[in-house]
Amino acid sequence: MDYKYIEQLLERYWSCETSLEEEEILKAFFSQEEIPASLRRYRDLFAYEHQEVKDDMLGDDFDDRMMELVSEKKARTVSFTQRLMPLFKAAAVVAIFLTLGNAAQRAFEAPESENTDMAVIEQPTTDNKSVAMGDSLKVDTLQKAQQPEPIIK
Protein backbone atom coordinates (compact mmCIF):
# COMPACT_ATOMS: atom_id res chain seq x y z
CA MET A 1 0.00 0.00 0.00
CA ASP A 2 1.24 3.49 -0.85
CA TYR A 3 1.32 6.01 2.01
CA LYS A 4 2.43 8.96 -0.09
CA TYR A 5 -0.61 11.05 0.89
CA ILE A 6 0.08 10.51 4.60
CA GLU A 7 3.74 11.44 4.09
CA GLN A 8 2.67 14.62 2.26
CA LEU A 9 0.29 15.45 5.10
CA LEU A 10 3.13 14.93 7.58
CA GLU A 11 5.38 17.28 5.62
CA ARG A 12 2.63 19.91 5.57
CA TYR A 13 1.98 19.27 9.28
CA TRP A 14 5.63 19.95 10.19
CA SER A 15 5.56 23.20 8.21
CA CYS A 16 2.26 24.20 9.91
CA GLU A 17 0.26 24.27 6.69
CA THR A 18 -2.40 21.64 7.42
CA SER A 19 -6.05 22.36 8.03
CA LEU A 20 -8.00 20.92 10.94
CA GLU A 21 -9.58 18.30 8.66
CA GLU A 22 -6.16 17.12 7.46
CA GLU A 23 -4.96 16.84 11.04
CA GLU A 24 -8.02 14.74 11.85
CA ILE A 25 -7.05 12.46 8.94
CA LEU A 26 -3.57 12.06 10.44
CA LYS A 27 -5.02 11.31 13.88
CA ALA A 28 -7.39 8.74 12.42
CA PHE A 29 -4.58 7.10 10.44
CA PHE A 30 -2.23 6.82 13.42
CA SER A 31 -5.00 5.46 15.67
CA GLN A 32 -5.14 2.30 13.49
CA GLU A 33 -3.53 -0.98 14.55
CA GLU A 34 -1.38 -1.54 11.45
CA ILE A 35 1.02 1.28 10.58
CA PRO A 36 4.10 0.97 8.35
CA ALA A 37 7.44 0.78 10.16
CA SER A 38 8.64 4.05 8.61
CA LEU A 39 5.72 5.98 10.14
CA ARG A 40 5.55 4.28 13.57
CA ARG A 41 7.78 6.90 15.15
CA TYR A 42 4.94 9.49 14.71
CA ARG A 43 2.25 7.23 16.14
CA ASP A 44 2.73 8.29 19.77
CA LEU A 45 2.33 11.96 18.88
CA PHE A 46 -0.95 11.58 17.04
CA ALA A 47 -2.34 8.76 19.17
CA TYR A 48 -1.66 10.82 22.28
CA GLU A 49 -3.53 13.78 20.83
CA HIS A 50 -6.39 11.50 19.84
CA GLN A 51 -6.54 9.94 23.31
CA GLU A 52 -6.13 13.34 25.03
CA VAL A 53 -9.25 14.69 23.34
CA LYS A 54 -11.29 11.87 24.84
CA ASP A 55 -9.81 12.35 28.33
CA ASP A 56 -10.40 16.10 28.50
CA MET A 57 -14.17 15.89 28.58
CA LEU A 58 -16.03 17.57 31.40
CA GLY A 59 -18.07 15.41 33.70
CA ASP A 60 -21.86 15.35 33.70
CA ASP A 61 -22.00 16.97 37.13
CA PHE A 62 -19.76 19.89 36.14
CA ASP A 63 -22.65 22.27 35.44
CA ASP A 64 -24.33 21.39 38.73
CA ARG A 65 -21.14 22.00 40.71
CA MET A 66 -20.55 25.36 39.01
CA MET A 67 -24.13 26.47 39.64
CA GLU A 68 -23.75 25.58 43.33
CA LEU A 69 -20.60 27.68 43.58
CA VAL A 70 -22.20 30.62 41.80
CA SER A 71 -25.38 30.50 43.88
CA GLU A 72 -23.33 30.62 47.12
CA LYS A 73 -21.80 33.93 46.12
CA LYS A 74 -24.04 36.92 46.72
CA ALA A 75 -23.69 40.36 45.25
CA ARG A 76 -22.34 42.93 47.65
CA THR A 77 -23.49 46.52 47.47
CA VAL A 78 -20.87 49.19 47.87
CA SER A 79 -21.98 52.54 49.25
CA PHE A 80 -20.72 55.89 48.04
CA THR A 81 -18.80 56.41 51.30
CA GLN A 82 -17.06 53.06 50.88
CA ARG A 83 -16.07 53.99 47.34
CA LEU A 84 -14.50 57.23 48.58
CA MET A 85 -12.73 55.62 51.56
CA PRO A 86 -9.33 55.44 49.78
CA LEU A 87 -9.63 59.15 48.99
CA PHE A 88 -10.42 59.93 52.65
CA LYS A 89 -7.40 57.91 53.77
CA ALA A 90 -5.12 59.72 51.32
CA ALA A 91 -6.41 63.11 52.50
CA ALA A 92 -5.77 62.11 56.13
CA VAL A 93 -2.19 61.09 55.31
CA VAL A 94 -1.58 64.40 53.52
CA ALA A 95 -3.01 66.33 56.50
CA ILE A 96 -0.74 64.44 58.91
CA PHE A 97 2.34 65.14 56.79
CA LEU A 98 1.50 68.82 56.51
CA THR A 99 0.94 69.09 60.28
CA LEU A 100 4.20 67.33 61.07
CA GLY A 101 6.07 69.44 58.52
CA ASN A 102 4.67 72.64 59.99
CA ALA A 103 5.61 71.53 63.52
CA ALA A 104 9.12 70.62 62.42
CA GLN A 105 9.54 73.94 60.65
CA ARG A 106 8.51 75.87 63.75
CA ALA A 107 10.87 73.81 65.90
CA PHE A 108 13.89 74.68 63.76
CA GLU A 109 13.09 78.37 63.25
CA ALA A 110 15.16 80.95 65.14
CA PRO A 111 13.38 81.79 68.37
CA GLU A 112 11.79 85.22 68.31
CA SER A 113 11.55 87.33 71.41
CA GLU A 114 8.24 86.50 72.97
CA ASN A 115 8.00 89.90 74.63
CA THR A 116 7.37 92.14 71.61
CA ASP A 117 5.98 94.90 73.82
CA MET A 118 9.53 95.86 74.80
CA ALA A 119 10.43 97.11 71.32
CA VAL A 120 12.65 100.15 71.21
CA ILE A 121 11.14 103.17 69.48
CA GLU A 122 13.27 106.19 68.81
CA GLN A 123 11.66 109.58 68.46
CA PRO A 124 13.46 112.81 67.78
CA THR A 125 13.20 115.25 70.65
CA THR A 126 13.59 118.92 70.78
CA ASP A 127 17.02 118.50 72.32
CA ASN A 128 18.14 116.32 69.36
CA LYS A 129 18.43 113.38 71.75
CA SER A 130 16.72 110.04 71.22
CA VAL A 131 14.71 108.58 73.99
CA ALA A 132 14.02 104.85 74.32
CA MET A 133 10.40 104.26 75.08
CA GLY A 134 9.11 100.99 76.46
CA ASP A 135 5.69 99.47 76.73
CA SER A 136 4.61 102.01 79.32
CA LEU A 137 4.32 104.75 76.70
CA LYS A 138 0.76 105.88 76.10
CA VAL A 139 0.19 108.42 73.41
CA ASP A 140 -3.01 110.25 72.69
CA THR A 141 -4.04 109.87 69.04
CA LEU A 142 -4.46 113.62 68.61
CA GLN A 143 -1.00 114.30 69.96
CA LYS A 144 0.41 111.50 67.85
CA ALA A 145 -1.01 113.07 64.70
CA GLN A 146 0.89 116.26 65.48
CA GLN A 147 4.15 114.48 66.26
CA PRO A 148 6.48 113.15 63.55
CA GLU A 149 6.45 109.41 62.84
CA PRO A 150 8.70 107.35 65.14
CA ILE A 151 11.60 105.40 63.64
CA ILE A 152 11.59 101.72 64.54
CA LYS A 153 14.83 99.79 64.53
C-alpha atoms as a PDB file:
ATOM      1  CA  MET A   1       0.000   0.000   0.000  1.00  0.00           C
ATOM      2  CA  ASP A   2       1.236   3.486  -0.854  1.00  0.00           C
ATOM      3  CA  TYR A   3       1.316   6.007   2.006  1.00  0.00           C
ATOM      4  CA  LYS A   4       2.427   8.955  -0.088  1.00  0.00           C
ATOM      5  CA  TYR A   5      -0.614  11.049   0.886  1.00  0.00           C
ATOM      6  CA  ILE A   6       0.075  10.506   4.597  1.00  0.00           C
ATOM      7  CA  GLU A   7       3.736  11.444   4.087  1.00  0.00           C
ATOM      8  CA  GLN A   8       2.670  14.618   2.264  1.00  0.00           C
ATOM      9  CA  LEU A   9       0.285  15.454   5.096  1.00  0.00           C
ATOM     10  CA  LEU A  10       3.125  14.927   7.576  1.00  0.00           C
ATOM     11  CA  GLU A  11       5.375  17.278   5.620  1.00  0.00           C
ATOM     12  CA  ARG A  12       2.632  19.913   5.574  1.00  0.00           C
ATOM     13  CA  TYR A  13       1.978  19.270   9.285  1.00  0.00           C
ATOM     14  CA  TRP A  14       5.633  19.946  10.191  1.00  0.00           C
ATOM     15  CA  SER A  15       5.564  23.205   8.208  1.00  0.00           C
ATOM     16  CA  CYS A  16       2.261  24.198   9.911  1.00  0.00           C
ATOM     17  CA  GLU A  17       0.258  24.268   6.690  1.00  0.00           C
ATOM     18  CA  THR A  18      -2.396  21.641   7.418  1.00  0.00           C
ATOM     19  CA  SER A  19      -6.051  22.356   8.033  1.00  0.00           C
ATOM     20  CA  LEU A  20      -8.005  20.919  10.935  1.00  0.00           C
ATOM     21  CA  GLU A  21      -9.580  18.303   8.661  1.00  0.00           C
ATOM     22  CA  GLU A  22      -6.158  17.125   7.465  1.00  0.00           C
ATOM     23  CA  GLU A  23      -4.960  16.842  11.045  1.00  0.00           C
ATOM     24  CA  GLU A  24      -8.020  14.743  11.855  1.00  0.00           C
ATOM     25  CA  ILE A  25      -7.048  12.456   8.945  1.00  0.00           C
ATOM     26  CA  LEU A  26      -3.571  12.061  10.436  1.00  0.00           C
ATOM     27  CA  LYS A  27      -5.015  11.308  13.877  1.00  0.00           C
ATOM     28  CA  ALA A  28      -7.393   8.735  12.418  1.00  0.00           C
ATOM     29  CA  PHE A  29      -4.580   7.101  10.437  1.00  0.00           C
ATOM     30  CA  PHE A  30      -2.234   6.819  13.417  1.00  0.00           C
ATOM     31  CA  SER A  31      -4.996   5.465  15.669  1.00  0.00           C
ATOM     32  CA  GLN A  32      -5.145   2.295  13.493  1.00  0.00           C
ATOM     33  CA  GLU A  33      -3.528  -0.981  14.549  1.00  0.00           C
ATOM     34  CA  GLU A  34      -1.381  -1.536  11.450  1.00  0.00           C
ATOM     35  CA  ILE A  35       1.017   1.283  10.575  1.00  0.00           C
ATOM     36  CA  PRO A  36       4.104   0.967   8.352  1.00  0.00           C
ATOM     37  CA  ALA A  37       7.440   0.783  10.157  1.00  0.00           C
ATOM     38  CA  SER A  38       8.644   4.053   8.614  1.00  0.00           C
ATOM     39  CA  LEU A  39       5.719   5.975  10.142  1.00  0.00           C
ATOM     40  CA  ARG A  40       5.547   4.284  13.569  1.00  0.00           C
ATOM     41  CA  ARG A  41       7.776   6.903  15.148  1.00  0.00           C
ATOM     42  CA  TYR A  42       4.944   9.488  14.714  1.00  0.00           C
ATOM     43  CA  ARG A  43       2.254   7.234  16.139  1.00  0.00           C
ATOM     44  CA  ASP A  44       2.731   8.286  19.768  1.00  0.00           C
ATOM     45  CA  LEU A  45       2.326  11.957  18.877  1.00  0.00           C
ATOM     46  CA  PHE A  46      -0.948  11.581  17.035  1.00  0.00           C
ATOM     47  CA  ALA A  47      -2.337   8.758  19.170  1.00  0.00           C
ATOM     48  CA  TYR A  48      -1.663  10.819  22.281  1.00  0.00           C
ATOM     49  CA  GLU A  49      -3.526  13.778  20.830  1.00  0.00           C
ATOM     50  CA  HIS A  50      -6.392  11.503  19.837  1.00  0.00           C
ATOM     51  CA  GLN A  51      -6.543   9.938  23.313  1.00  0.00           C
ATOM     52  CA  GLU A  52      -6.134  13.338  25.026  1.00  0.00           C
ATOM     53  CA  VAL A  53      -9.254  14.694  23.337  1.00  0.00           C
ATOM     54  CA  LYS A  54     -11.288  11.867  24.838  1.00  0.00           C
ATOM     55  CA  ASP A  55      -9.806  12.348  28.333  1.00  0.00           C
ATOM     56  CA  ASP A  56     -10.397  16.103  28.501  1.00  0.00           C
ATOM     57  CA  MET A  57     -14.174  15.891  28.576  1.00  0.00           C
ATOM     58  CA  LEU A  58     -16.027  17.568  31.404  1.00  0.00           C
ATOM     59  CA  GLY A  59     -18.074  15.409  33.704  1.00  0.00           C
ATOM     60  CA  ASP A  60     -21.865  15.353  33.701  1.00  0.00           C
ATOM     61  CA  ASP A  61     -21.997  16.968  37.126  1.00  0.00           C
ATOM     62  CA  PHE A  62     -19.758  19.894  36.140  1.00  0.00           C
ATOM     63  CA  ASP A  63     -22.652  22.270  35.438  1.00  0.00           C
ATOM     64  CA  ASP A  64     -24.327  21.390  38.729  1.00  0.00           C
ATOM     65  CA  ARG A  65     -21.135  22.001  40.712  1.00  0.00           C
ATOM     66  CA  MET A  66     -20.547  25.361  39.013  1.00  0.00           C
ATOM     67  CA  MET A  67     -24.128  26.465  39.645  1.00  0.00           C
ATOM     68  CA  GLU A  68     -23.754  25.578  43.327  1.00  0.00           C
ATOM     69  CA  LEU A  69     -20.598  27.677  43.578  1.00  0.00           C
ATOM     70  CA  VAL A  70     -22.201  30.618  41.800  1.00  0.00           C
ATOM     71  CA  SER A  71     -25.376  30.499  43.880  1.00  0.00           C
ATOM     72  CA  GLU A  72     -23.332  30.617  47.117  1.00  0.00           C
ATOM     73  CA  LYS A  73     -21.797  33.931  46.125  1.00  0.00           C
ATOM     74  CA  LYS A  74     -24.036  36.917  46.716  1.00  0.00           C
ATOM     75  CA  ALA A  75     -23.686  40.357  45.248  1.00  0.00           C
ATOM     76  CA  ARG A  76     -22.342  42.930  47.652  1.00  0.00           C
ATOM     77  CA  THR A  77     -23.488  46.521  47.473  1.00  0.00           C
ATOM     78  CA  VAL A  78     -20.868  49.195  47.874  1.00  0.00           C
ATOM     79  CA  SER A  79     -21.976  52.543  49.247  1.00  0.00           C
ATOM     80  CA  PHE A  80     -20.719  55.890  48.036  1.00  0.00           C
ATOM     81  CA  THR A  81     -18.798  56.406  51.296  1.00  0.00           C
ATOM     82  CA  GLN A  82     -17.055  53.057  50.875  1.00  0.00           C
ATOM     83  CA  ARG A  83     -16.068  53.994  47.338  1.00  0.00           C
ATOM     84  CA  LEU A  84     -14.503  57.228  48.578  1.00  0.00           C
ATOM     85  CA  MET A  85     -12.731  55.621  51.560  1.00  0.00           C
ATOM     86  CA  PRO A  86      -9.327  55.444  49.781  1.00  0.00           C
ATOM     87  CA  LEU A  87      -9.630  59.153  48.993  1.00  0.00           C
ATOM     88  CA  PHE A  88     -10.416  59.933  52.647  1.00  0.00           C
ATOM     89  CA  LYS A  89      -7.401  57.913  53.773  1.00  0.00           C
ATOM     90  CA  ALA A  90      -5.124  59.720  51.318  1.00  0.00           C
ATOM     91  CA  ALA A  91      -6.414  63.114  52.504  1.00  0.00           C
ATOM     92  CA  ALA A  92      -5.775  62.112  56.126  1.00  0.00           C
ATOM     93  CA  VAL A  93      -2.192  61.092  55.308  1.00  0.00           C
ATOM     94  CA  VAL A  94      -1.582  64.402  53.519  1.00  0.00           C
ATOM     95  CA  ALA A  95      -3.013  66.330  56.502  1.00  0.00           C
ATOM     96  CA  ILE A  96      -0.745  64.435  58.914  1.00  0.00           C
ATOM     97  CA  PHE A  97       2.336  65.136  56.790  1.00  0.00           C
ATOM     98  CA  LEU A  98       1.500  68.822  56.509  1.00  0.00           C
ATOM     99  CA  THR A  99       0.940  69.087  60.275  1.00  0.00           C
ATOM    100  CA  LEU A 100       4.203  67.330  61.070  1.00  0.00           C
ATOM    101  CA  GLY A 101       6.065  69.440  58.517  1.00  0.00           C
ATOM    102  CA  ASN A 102       4.674  72.643  59.986  1.00  0.00           C
ATOM    103  CA  ALA A 103       5.607  71.529  63.516  1.00  0.00           C
ATOM    104  CA  ALA A 104       9.125  70.616  62.416  1.00  0.00           C
ATOM    105  CA  GLN A 105       9.537  73.942  60.646  1.00  0.00           C
ATOM    106  CA  ARG A 106       8.513  75.875  63.750  1.00  0.00           C
ATOM    107  CA  ALA A 107      10.865  73.806  65.898  1.00  0.00           C
ATOM    108  CA  PHE A 108      13.889  74.683  63.757  1.00  0.00           C
ATOM    109  CA  GLU A 109      13.093  78.368  63.254  1.00  0.00           C
ATOM    110  CA  ALA A 110      15.164  80.945  65.139  1.00  0.00           C
ATOM    111  CA  PRO A 111      13.383  81.789  68.371  1.00  0.00           C
ATOM    112  CA  GLU A 112      11.790  85.215  68.315  1.00  0.00           C
ATOM    113  CA  SER A 113      11.553  87.330  71.410  1.00  0.00           C
ATOM    114  CA  GLU A 114       8.235  86.503  72.975  1.00  0.00           C
ATOM    115  CA  ASN A 115       7.997  89.905  74.630  1.00  0.00           C
ATOM    116  CA  THR A 116       7.371  92.139  71.613  1.00  0.00           C
ATOM    117  CA  ASP A 117       5.985  94.896  73.823  1.00  0.00           C
ATOM    118  CA  MET A 118       9.534  95.859  74.802  1.00  0.00           C
ATOM    119  CA  ALA A 119      10.431  97.105  71.319  1.00  0.00           C
ATOM    120  CA  VAL A 120      12.647 100.148  71.207  1.00  0.00           C
ATOM    121  CA  ILE A 121      11.140 103.169  69.484  1.00  0.00           C
ATOM    122  CA  GLU A 122      13.268 106.194  68.809  1.00  0.00           C
ATOM    123  CA  GLN A 123      11.659 109.585  68.457  1.00  0.00           C
ATOM    124  CA  PRO A 124      13.460 112.814  67.784  1.00  0.00           C
ATOM    125  CA  THR A 125      13.198 115.251  70.654  1.00  0.00           C
ATOM    126  CA  THR A 126      13.592 118.918  70.781  1.00  0.00           C
ATOM    127  CA  ASP A 127      17.017 118.501  72.317  1.00  0.00           C
ATOM    128  CA  ASN A 128      18.135 116.317  69.365  1.00  0.00           C
ATOM    129  CA  LYS A 129      18.425 113.380  71.751  1.00  0.00           C
ATOM    130  CA  SER A 130      16.720 110.040  71.217  1.00  0.00           C
ATOM    131  CA  VAL A 131      14.714 108.579  73.993  1.00  0.00           C
ATOM    132  CA  ALA A 132      14.015 104.855  74.322  1.00  0.00           C
ATOM    133  CA  MET A 133      10.400 104.263  75.077  1.00  0.00           C
ATOM    134  CA  GLY A 134       9.105 100.988  76.463  1.00  0.00           C
ATOM    135  CA  ASP A 135       5.691  99.469  76.732  1.00  0.00           C
ATOM    136  CA  SER A 136       4.610 102.011  79.319  1.00  0.00           C
ATOM    137  CA  LEU A 137       4.318 104.753  76.696  1.00  0.00           C
ATOM    138  CA  LYS A 138       0.760 105.883  76.099  1.00  0.00           C
ATOM    139  CA  VAL A 139       0.189 108.425  73.409  1.00  0.00           C
ATOM    140  CA  ASP A 140      -3.013 110.254  72.689  1.00  0.00           C
ATOM    141  CA  THR A 141      -4.039 109.874  69.045  1.00  0.00           C
ATOM    142  CA  LEU A 142      -4.458 113.615  68.610  1.00  0.00           C
ATOM    143  CA  GLN A 143      -0.997 114.296  69.959  1.00  0.00           C
ATOM    144  CA  LYS A 144       0.405 111.498  67.849  1.00  0.00           C
ATOM    145  CA  ALA A 145      -1.007 113.071  64.700  1.00  0.00           C
ATOM    146  CA  GLN A 146       0.890 116.265  65.477  1.00  0.00           C
ATOM    147  CA  GLN A 147       4.146 114.477  66.259  1.00  0.00           C
ATOM    148  CA  PRO A 148       6.477 113.149  63.554  1.00  0.00           C
ATOM    149  CA  GLU A 149       6.446 109.410  62.837  1.00  0.00           C
ATOM    150  CA  PRO A 150       8.700 107.348  65.144  1.00  0.00           C
ATOM    151  CA  ILE A 151      11.600 105.402  63.640  1.00  0.00           C
ATOM    152  CA  ILE A 152      11.593 101.718  64.536  1.00  0.00           C
ATOM    153  CA  LYS A 153      14.826  99.792  64.526  1.00  0.00           C
END
